[in-house]
Amino acid sequence: MNSVALIGRLTRDPEVRYGASSQTAVARFSIAVDRQRGGRDGEQTADFINIVCFGKTAELVEKYMGKGRLVGITGRIQTGSYEKDGRKVYTTDVIADRVEFLDRGDKASEGGQSYSGGQSAAPSGPAVPEGFAQLTDDDIPF
């Protein structure tokens, strides 16, 4: 089974490109995932993990995510390699099936809206994407 779940902060804004023939959106970004404190001095360290997502998820990531945002990612690990300057370079990426927006704010402003997940990200602030309904506190059962 190849399954991964991560929580971390974006280290840079997502980079989105479109496939030449399929016009499918492909988003690439990296997140910093904290390691448990340990070692002699108890210093906090992090792993920097490359994330790739496709289609509608990639478009939502481009629209609503920016450097510093806290996200939850579920997906799978994919490895690969390529030649550069006569040397073989190995890569490891997480292919995201789902992206959850875990903190408040948006790409344009720090104090704005909150968003939740993957294929069905729905902002709770005034800017509701087409095809989604705005929720109020009365709509939430708890």
N, C-alpha and C. Protein backbone atom coordinates (compact mmCIF):
# COMPACT_ATOMS: atom_id res chain seq x y z
N MET A 1 0.85 -1.17 0.00
CA MET A 1 0.00 0.00 0.00
C MET A 1 0.89 1.23 0.00
N ASN A 2 0.60 2.17 -0.87
CA ASN A 2 1.35 3.42 -1.00
C ASN A 2 0.41 4.55 -0.63
N SER A 3 0.47 5.00 0.63
CA SER A 3 -0.43 6.04 1.12
C SER A 3 0.33 6.95 2.07
N VAL A 4 0.09 8.25 1.95
CA VAL A 4 0.78 9.21 2.80
C VAL A 4 -0.20 10.30 3.22
N ALA A 5 -0.05 10.78 4.47
CA ALA A 5 -0.83 11.90 4.97
C ALA A 5 0.15 12.86 5.65
N LEU A 6 0.09 14.14 5.26
CA LEU A 6 1.03 15.13 5.76
C LEU A 6 0.31 16.41 6.16
N ILE A 7 0.86 17.11 7.14
CA ILE A 7 0.40 18.45 7.49
C ILE A 7 1.64 19.33 7.53
N GLY A 8 1.57 20.45 6.80
CA GLY A 8 2.71 21.36 6.78
C GLY A 8 2.34 22.69 6.16
N ARG A 9 3.33 23.57 6.09
CA ARG A 9 3.13 24.91 5.52
C ARG A 9 3.83 25.02 4.18
N LEU A 10 3.18 25.70 3.24
CA LEU A 10 3.78 25.92 1.93
C LEU A 10 5.06 26.74 2.06
N THR A 11 6.10 26.30 1.38
CA THR A 11 7.38 27.02 1.43
C THR A 11 7.48 28.05 0.31
N ARG A 12 6.58 27.97 -0.66
CA ARG A 12 6.53 28.94 -1.77
C ARG A 12 5.15 28.87 -2.40
N ASP A 13 4.81 29.85 -3.22
CA ASP A 13 3.53 29.82 -3.93
C ASP A 13 3.52 28.66 -4.92
N PRO A 14 2.35 28.06 -5.13
CA PRO A 14 2.26 26.96 -6.09
C PRO A 14 2.58 27.42 -7.51
N GLU A 15 3.18 26.52 -8.28
CA GLU A 15 3.50 26.76 -9.68
C GLU A 15 2.56 25.89 -10.51
N VAL A 16 1.73 26.49 -11.36
CA VAL A 16 0.74 25.73 -12.13
C VAL A 16 1.06 25.84 -13.61
N ARG A 17 1.03 24.68 -14.27
CA ARG A 17 1.21 24.60 -15.72
C ARG A 17 0.10 23.74 -16.28
N TYR A 18 -0.10 23.85 -17.58
CA TYR A 18 -1.14 23.08 -18.24
C TYR A 18 -0.51 22.15 -19.26
N GLY A 19 -0.98 20.89 -19.31
CA GLY A 19 -0.48 19.91 -20.26
C GLY A 19 -0.69 20.37 -21.69
N ALA A 20 0.28 20.11 -22.58
CA ALA A 20 0.22 20.58 -23.96
C ALA A 20 -0.97 20.00 -24.72
N SER A 21 -1.21 18.72 -24.56
CA SER A 21 -2.30 18.11 -25.33
C SER A 21 -3.61 18.03 -24.55
N SER A 22 -3.53 17.74 -23.27
CA SER A 22 -4.75 17.53 -22.49
C SER A 22 -5.29 18.79 -21.83
N GLN A 23 -4.48 19.84 -21.72
CA GLN A 23 -4.85 21.07 -21.03
C GLN A 23 -5.25 20.82 -19.57
N THR A 24 -4.73 19.76 -18.97
CA THR A 24 -4.96 19.47 -17.56
C THR A 24 -4.00 20.30 -16.71
N ALA A 25 -4.54 20.95 -15.68
CA ALA A 25 -3.71 21.75 -14.77
C ALA A 25 -2.84 20.82 -13.91
N VAL A 26 -1.57 21.21 -13.74
CA VAL A 26 -0.64 20.49 -12.89
C VAL A 26 -0.01 21.51 -11.95
N ALA A 27 -0.24 21.36 -10.63
CA ALA A 27 0.33 22.27 -9.64
C ALA A 27 1.48 21.59 -8.92
N ARG A 28 2.55 22.34 -8.73
CA ARG A 28 3.72 21.85 -7.98
C ARG A 28 4.02 22.86 -6.88
N PHE A 29 4.27 22.35 -5.68
CA PHE A 29 4.66 23.19 -4.57
C PHE A 29 5.35 22.30 -3.55
N SER A 30 5.91 22.90 -2.53
CA SER A 30 6.53 22.11 -1.47
C SER A 30 6.00 22.59 -0.13
N ILE A 31 6.00 21.66 0.83
CA ILE A 31 5.57 22.00 2.18
C ILE A 31 6.67 21.63 3.17
N ALA A 32 6.73 22.37 4.26
CA ALA A 32 7.64 22.07 5.36
C ALA A 32 6.83 21.33 6.43
N VAL A 33 7.26 20.12 6.74
CA VAL A 33 6.58 19.28 7.73
C VAL A 33 7.50 19.17 8.94
N ASP A 34 7.02 19.65 10.10
CA ASP A 34 7.84 19.60 11.31
C ASP A 34 8.12 18.18 11.74
N ARG A 35 9.35 17.95 12.18
CA ARG A 35 9.73 16.68 12.81
C ARG A 35 9.49 16.82 14.30
N GLN A 36 9.40 15.69 14.98
CA GLN A 36 9.29 15.75 16.44
C GLN A 36 10.58 16.31 17.00
N ARG A 37 10.41 17.11 18.07
CA ARG A 37 11.61 17.68 18.70
C ARG A 37 12.45 16.54 19.26
N GLY A 38 13.72 16.69 19.14
CA GLY A 38 14.62 15.64 19.63
C GLY A 38 16.05 16.10 19.56
N GLY A 39 16.93 15.17 19.68
CA GLY A 39 18.35 15.51 19.62
C GLY A 39 18.83 16.09 20.92
N ARG A 40 20.07 16.53 20.90
CA ARG A 40 20.70 17.04 22.12
C ARG A 40 20.12 18.37 22.57
N ASP A 41 19.85 19.27 21.65
CA ASP A 41 19.40 20.60 22.04
C ASP A 41 17.89 20.79 21.90
N GLY A 42 17.16 19.78 21.43
CA GLY A 42 15.71 19.87 21.30
C GLY A 42 15.26 20.84 20.21
N GLU A 43 16.16 21.15 19.28
CA GLU A 43 15.85 22.10 18.22
C GLU A 43 14.82 21.53 17.25
N GLN A 44 13.88 22.39 16.81
CA GLN A 44 12.85 21.99 15.86
C GLN A 44 13.45 21.90 14.46
N THR A 45 13.18 20.81 13.76
CA THR A 45 13.63 20.65 12.38
C THR A 45 12.43 20.30 11.50
N ALA A 46 12.62 20.37 10.20
CA ALA A 46 11.51 20.10 9.28
C ALA A 46 12.02 19.33 8.07
N ASP A 47 11.11 18.60 7.44
CA ASP A 47 11.37 17.98 6.15
C ASP A 47 10.65 18.82 5.10
N PHE A 48 11.27 18.96 3.93
CA PHE A 48 10.69 19.74 2.84
C PHE A 48 10.27 18.77 1.75
N ILE A 49 8.97 18.68 1.52
CA ILE A 49 8.41 17.64 0.67
C ILE A 49 7.74 18.26 -0.55
N ASN A 50 8.09 17.73 -1.73
CA ASN A 50 7.51 18.19 -2.99
C ASN A 50 6.15 17.56 -3.20
N ILE A 51 5.17 18.38 -3.58
CA ILE A 51 3.80 17.94 -3.79
C ILE A 51 3.40 18.25 -5.23
N VAL A 52 2.65 17.33 -5.85
CA VAL A 52 2.12 17.52 -7.20
C VAL A 52 0.64 17.17 -7.16
N CYS A 53 -0.21 18.01 -7.76
CA CYS A 53 -1.64 17.68 -7.87
C CYS A 53 -2.13 18.08 -9.25
N PHE A 54 -3.26 17.50 -9.65
CA PHE A 54 -3.75 17.63 -11.01
C PHE A 54 -5.20 18.13 -11.05
N GLY A 55 -5.61 18.61 -12.22
CA GLY A 55 -7.00 18.93 -12.50
C GLY A 55 -7.57 20.05 -11.65
N LYS A 56 -8.81 19.84 -11.20
CA LYS A 56 -9.53 20.84 -10.42
C LYS A 56 -8.80 21.15 -9.11
N THR A 57 -8.22 20.13 -8.50
CA THR A 57 -7.45 20.34 -7.27
C THR A 57 -6.31 21.32 -7.53
N ALA A 58 -5.59 21.14 -8.63
CA ALA A 58 -4.49 22.05 -8.98
C ALA A 58 -4.98 23.48 -9.18
N GLU A 59 -6.13 23.63 -9.84
CA GLU A 59 -6.67 24.97 -10.06
C GLU A 59 -7.08 25.65 -8.76
N LEU A 60 -7.67 24.89 -7.82
CA LEU A 60 -8.06 25.45 -6.53
C LEU A 60 -6.83 25.80 -5.69
N VAL A 61 -5.81 24.97 -5.77
CA VAL A 61 -4.55 25.25 -5.07
C VAL A 61 -3.95 26.56 -5.57
N GLU A 62 -3.95 26.74 -6.89
CA GLU A 62 -3.39 27.97 -7.46
C GLU A 62 -4.19 29.19 -7.00
N LYS A 63 -5.50 29.07 -6.97
CA LYS A 63 -6.37 30.20 -6.64
C LYS A 63 -6.32 30.58 -5.16
N TYR A 64 -6.28 29.61 -4.27
CA TYR A 64 -6.46 29.89 -2.85
C TYR A 64 -5.24 29.70 -1.96
N MET A 65 -4.17 29.11 -2.46
CA MET A 65 -3.03 28.83 -1.59
C MET A 65 -1.84 29.71 -1.91
N GLY A 66 -1.08 30.03 -0.88
CA GLY A 66 0.13 30.82 -1.04
C GLY A 66 1.14 30.44 0.02
N LYS A 67 2.32 30.96 -0.11
CA LYS A 67 3.40 30.68 0.83
C LYS A 67 2.94 30.90 2.27
N GLY A 68 3.25 29.95 3.14
CA GLY A 68 2.93 30.06 4.56
C GLY A 68 1.62 29.41 4.97
N ARG A 69 0.74 29.07 4.03
CA ARG A 69 -0.55 28.45 4.36
C ARG A 69 -0.35 27.06 4.93
N LEU A 70 -1.14 26.73 5.95
CA LEU A 70 -1.12 25.40 6.55
C LEU A 70 -2.08 24.50 5.78
N VAL A 71 -1.58 23.35 5.32
CA VAL A 71 -2.39 22.43 4.52
C VAL A 71 -2.22 21.00 5.02
N GLY A 72 -3.25 20.20 4.77
CA GLY A 72 -3.18 18.76 4.97
C GLY A 72 -3.22 18.11 3.60
N ILE A 73 -2.37 17.14 3.38
CA ILE A 73 -2.25 16.47 2.09
C ILE A 73 -2.42 14.97 2.29
N THR A 74 -3.24 14.34 1.47
CA THR A 74 -3.25 12.88 1.41
C THR A 74 -2.98 12.49 -0.04
N GLY A 75 -2.24 11.41 -0.21
CA GLY A 75 -1.89 10.97 -1.55
C GLY A 75 -0.97 9.78 -1.50
N ARG A 76 -0.06 9.72 -2.49
CA ARG A 76 0.87 8.60 -2.59
C ARG A 76 2.25 9.11 -2.97
N ILE A 77 3.27 8.34 -2.64
CA ILE A 77 4.65 8.69 -2.97
C ILE A 77 4.98 8.15 -4.35
N GLN A 78 5.67 8.97 -5.14
CA GLN A 78 6.10 8.54 -6.47
C GLN A 78 7.56 8.93 -6.64
N THR A 79 8.38 7.99 -7.08
CA THR A 79 9.79 8.27 -7.32
C THR A 79 10.07 8.26 -8.81
N GLY A 80 11.13 8.92 -9.21
CA GLY A 80 11.52 8.96 -10.61
C GLY A 80 12.96 9.38 -10.74
N SER A 81 13.42 9.52 -11.98
CA SER A 81 14.79 9.96 -12.21
C SER A 81 14.88 10.60 -13.59
N TYR A 82 15.93 11.41 -13.77
CA TYR A 82 16.21 12.02 -15.06
C TYR A 82 17.70 12.30 -15.14
N GLU A 83 18.20 12.55 -16.36
CA GLU A 83 19.61 12.85 -16.59
C GLU A 83 19.81 14.36 -16.64
N LYS A 84 20.83 14.84 -15.93
CA LYS A 84 21.18 16.26 -15.98
C LYS A 84 22.70 16.37 -15.96
N ASP A 85 23.24 16.99 -16.98
CA ASP A 85 24.70 17.15 -17.10
C ASP A 85 25.44 15.83 -16.97
N GLY A 86 24.87 14.77 -17.56
CA GLY A 86 25.51 13.45 -17.53
C GLY A 86 25.36 12.70 -16.21
N ARG A 87 24.63 13.27 -15.26
CA ARG A 87 24.43 12.62 -13.97
C ARG A 87 22.96 12.24 -13.83
N LYS A 88 22.70 11.14 -13.16
CA LYS A 88 21.33 10.71 -12.92
C LYS A 88 20.84 11.37 -11.62
N VAL A 89 19.70 12.06 -11.72
CA VAL A 89 19.10 12.75 -10.58
C VAL A 89 17.83 12.00 -10.19
N TYR A 90 17.69 11.65 -8.92
CA TYR A 90 16.52 10.93 -8.43
C TYR A 90 15.55 11.90 -7.78
N THR A 91 14.26 11.66 -7.98
CA THR A 91 13.23 12.53 -7.41
C THR A 91 12.25 11.73 -6.58
N THR A 92 11.68 12.39 -5.59
CA THR A 92 10.60 11.82 -4.78
C THR A 92 9.55 12.90 -4.61
N ASP A 93 8.32 12.61 -5.02
CA ASP A 93 7.20 13.55 -4.92
C ASP A 93 6.03 12.86 -4.24
N VAL A 94 5.16 13.65 -3.65
CA VAL A 94 3.87 13.15 -3.18
C VAL A 94 2.83 13.60 -4.21
N ILE A 95 2.11 12.65 -4.78
CA ILE A 95 1.02 12.95 -5.70
C ILE A 95 -0.23 13.10 -4.84
N ALA A 96 -0.74 14.31 -4.74
CA ALA A 96 -1.85 14.62 -3.82
C ALA A 96 -3.19 14.23 -4.44
N ASP A 97 -3.93 13.41 -3.72
CA ASP A 97 -5.31 13.09 -4.09
C ASP A 97 -6.27 14.10 -3.47
N ARG A 98 -5.85 14.63 -2.31
CA ARG A 98 -6.71 15.56 -1.57
C ARG A 98 -5.84 16.61 -0.89
N VAL A 99 -6.31 17.86 -0.94
CA VAL A 99 -5.62 18.97 -0.29
C VAL A 99 -6.63 19.67 0.61
N GLU A 100 -6.33 19.76 1.90
CA GLU A 100 -7.20 20.43 2.87
C GLU A 100 -6.54 21.74 3.30
N PHE A 101 -7.30 22.83 3.26
CA PHE A 101 -6.82 24.13 3.72
C PHE A 101 -7.10 24.20 5.22
N LEU A 102 -6.06 24.24 6.05
CA LEU A 102 -6.23 24.08 7.49
C LEU A 102 -6.19 25.37 8.29
N ASP A 103 -5.84 26.49 7.68
CA ASP A 103 -5.82 27.73 8.45
C ASP A 103 -6.70 28.77 7.76
N ARG A 104 -6.89 29.88 8.45
CA ARG A 104 -7.72 30.96 7.91
C ARG A 104 -6.84 31.85 7.06
N GLY A 105 -7.46 32.51 6.10
CA GLY A 105 -6.73 33.42 5.23
C GLY A 105 -6.81 32.95 3.80
N ASP A 106 -6.36 33.79 2.90
CA ASP A 106 -6.30 33.41 1.50
C ASP A 106 -5.01 33.91 0.89
N LYS A 107 -4.85 33.66 -0.37
CA LYS A 107 -3.62 34.02 -1.06
C LYS A 107 -3.38 35.52 -1.05
N ALA A 108 -4.46 36.30 -1.14
CA ALA A 108 -4.31 37.75 -1.24
C ALA A 108 -4.19 38.45 0.11
N SER A 109 -4.83 37.92 1.16
CA SER A 109 -4.79 38.60 2.46
C SER A 109 -4.67 37.59 3.58
N GLU A 110 -4.07 38.02 4.67
CA GLU A 110 -3.82 37.12 5.78
C GLU A 110 -5.04 36.83 6.63
N GLY A 111 -5.98 37.76 6.79
CA GLY A 111 -7.03 37.56 7.75
C GLY A 111 -8.38 37.19 7.19
N GLY A 112 -8.47 36.73 5.99
CA GLY A 112 -9.72 36.60 5.27
C GLY A 112 -10.56 35.39 5.53
N GLN A 113 -10.49 34.41 4.67
CA GLN A 113 -11.46 33.34 4.60
C GLN A 113 -10.82 32.01 4.95
N SER A 114 -11.67 31.01 5.18
CA SER A 114 -11.15 29.66 5.39
C SER A 114 -11.68 28.76 4.29
N TYR A 115 -10.91 27.75 3.97
CA TYR A 115 -11.25 26.85 2.88
C TYR A 115 -11.06 25.42 3.35
N SER A 116 -11.80 24.50 2.78
CA SER A 116 -11.57 23.10 3.08
C SER A 116 -11.62 22.31 1.81
N GLY A 117 -10.81 21.46 1.67
CA GLY A 117 -10.41 20.48 0.85
C GLY A 117 -10.52 20.13 -0.57
N GLY A 118 -9.46 19.62 -1.08
CA GLY A 118 -9.30 18.88 -2.30
C GLY A 118 -10.22 19.27 -3.43
N GLN A 119 -10.97 18.30 -3.91
CA GLN A 119 -11.83 18.50 -5.07
C GLN A 119 -13.00 19.42 -4.75
N SER A 120 -13.30 19.63 -3.47
CA SER A 120 -14.49 20.41 -3.13
C SER A 120 -14.18 21.54 -2.17
N ALA A 121 -13.19 22.36 -2.48
CA ALA A 121 -12.86 23.48 -1.62
C ALA A 121 -13.98 24.52 -1.66
N ALA A 122 -14.48 24.89 -0.49
CA ALA A 122 -15.58 25.85 -0.44
C ALA A 122 -15.26 26.94 0.56
N PRO A 123 -15.01 28.16 0.13
CA PRO A 123 -14.73 29.24 1.05
C PRO A 123 -15.95 29.58 1.90
N SER A 124 -15.70 30.00 3.14
CA SER A 124 -16.81 30.39 4.00
C SER A 124 -16.99 31.90 4.02
N GLY A 125 -16.12 32.64 3.36
CA GLY A 125 -16.21 34.09 3.31
C GLY A 125 -17.09 34.53 2.15
N PRO A 126 -17.03 35.80 1.79
CA PRO A 126 -17.93 36.34 0.78
C PRO A 126 -17.68 35.83 -0.64
N ALA A 127 -16.47 35.44 -1.00
CA ALA A 127 -16.18 35.00 -2.36
C ALA A 127 -16.36 33.48 -2.47
N VAL A 128 -17.56 33.07 -2.89
CA VAL A 128 -17.88 31.64 -3.01
C VAL A 128 -17.71 31.24 -4.47
N PRO A 129 -16.87 30.21 -4.75
CA PRO A 129 -16.68 29.79 -6.13
C PRO A 129 -17.98 29.32 -6.76
N GLU A 130 -18.04 29.41 -8.08
CA GLU A 130 -19.21 28.99 -8.84
C GLU A 130 -19.54 27.52 -8.55
N GLY A 131 -20.81 27.24 -8.33
CA GLY A 131 -21.25 25.88 -8.07
C GLY A 131 -21.27 25.49 -6.60
N PHE A 132 -20.88 26.40 -5.71
CA PHE A 132 -20.85 26.13 -4.28
C PHE A 132 -21.81 27.08 -3.56
N ALA A 133 -22.30 26.65 -2.40
CA ALA A 133 -23.20 27.50 -1.61
C ALA A 133 -22.46 27.99 -0.37
N GLN A 134 -22.76 29.21 0.03
CA GLN A 134 -22.16 29.77 1.23
C GLN A 134 -22.86 29.19 2.45
N LEU A 135 -22.09 28.80 3.47
CA LEU A 135 -22.64 28.25 4.71
C LEU A 135 -22.65 29.30 5.80
N THR A 136 -23.60 29.18 6.71
CA THR A 136 -23.63 30.01 7.91
C THR A 136 -23.46 29.11 9.11
N ASP A 137 -23.30 29.70 10.28
CA ASP A 137 -23.15 28.89 11.50
C ASP A 137 -24.38 28.03 11.76
N ASP A 138 -25.56 28.46 11.31
CA ASP A 138 -26.78 27.69 11.50
C ASP A 138 -26.81 26.42 10.65
N ASP A 139 -26.01 26.38 9.57
CA ASP A 139 -25.98 25.21 8.70
C ASP A 139 -25.14 24.07 9.28
N ILE A 140 -24.31 24.36 10.27
CA ILE A 140 -23.40 23.36 10.84
C ILE A 140 -24.10 22.70 12.03
N PRO A 141 -24.17 21.34 12.03
CA PRO A 141 -24.94 20.63 13.05
C PRO A 141 -24.30 20.53 14.42
N PHE A 142 -23.12 21.04 14.63
CA PHE A 142 -22.48 20.92 15.95
C PHE A 142 -22.01 22.24 16.47
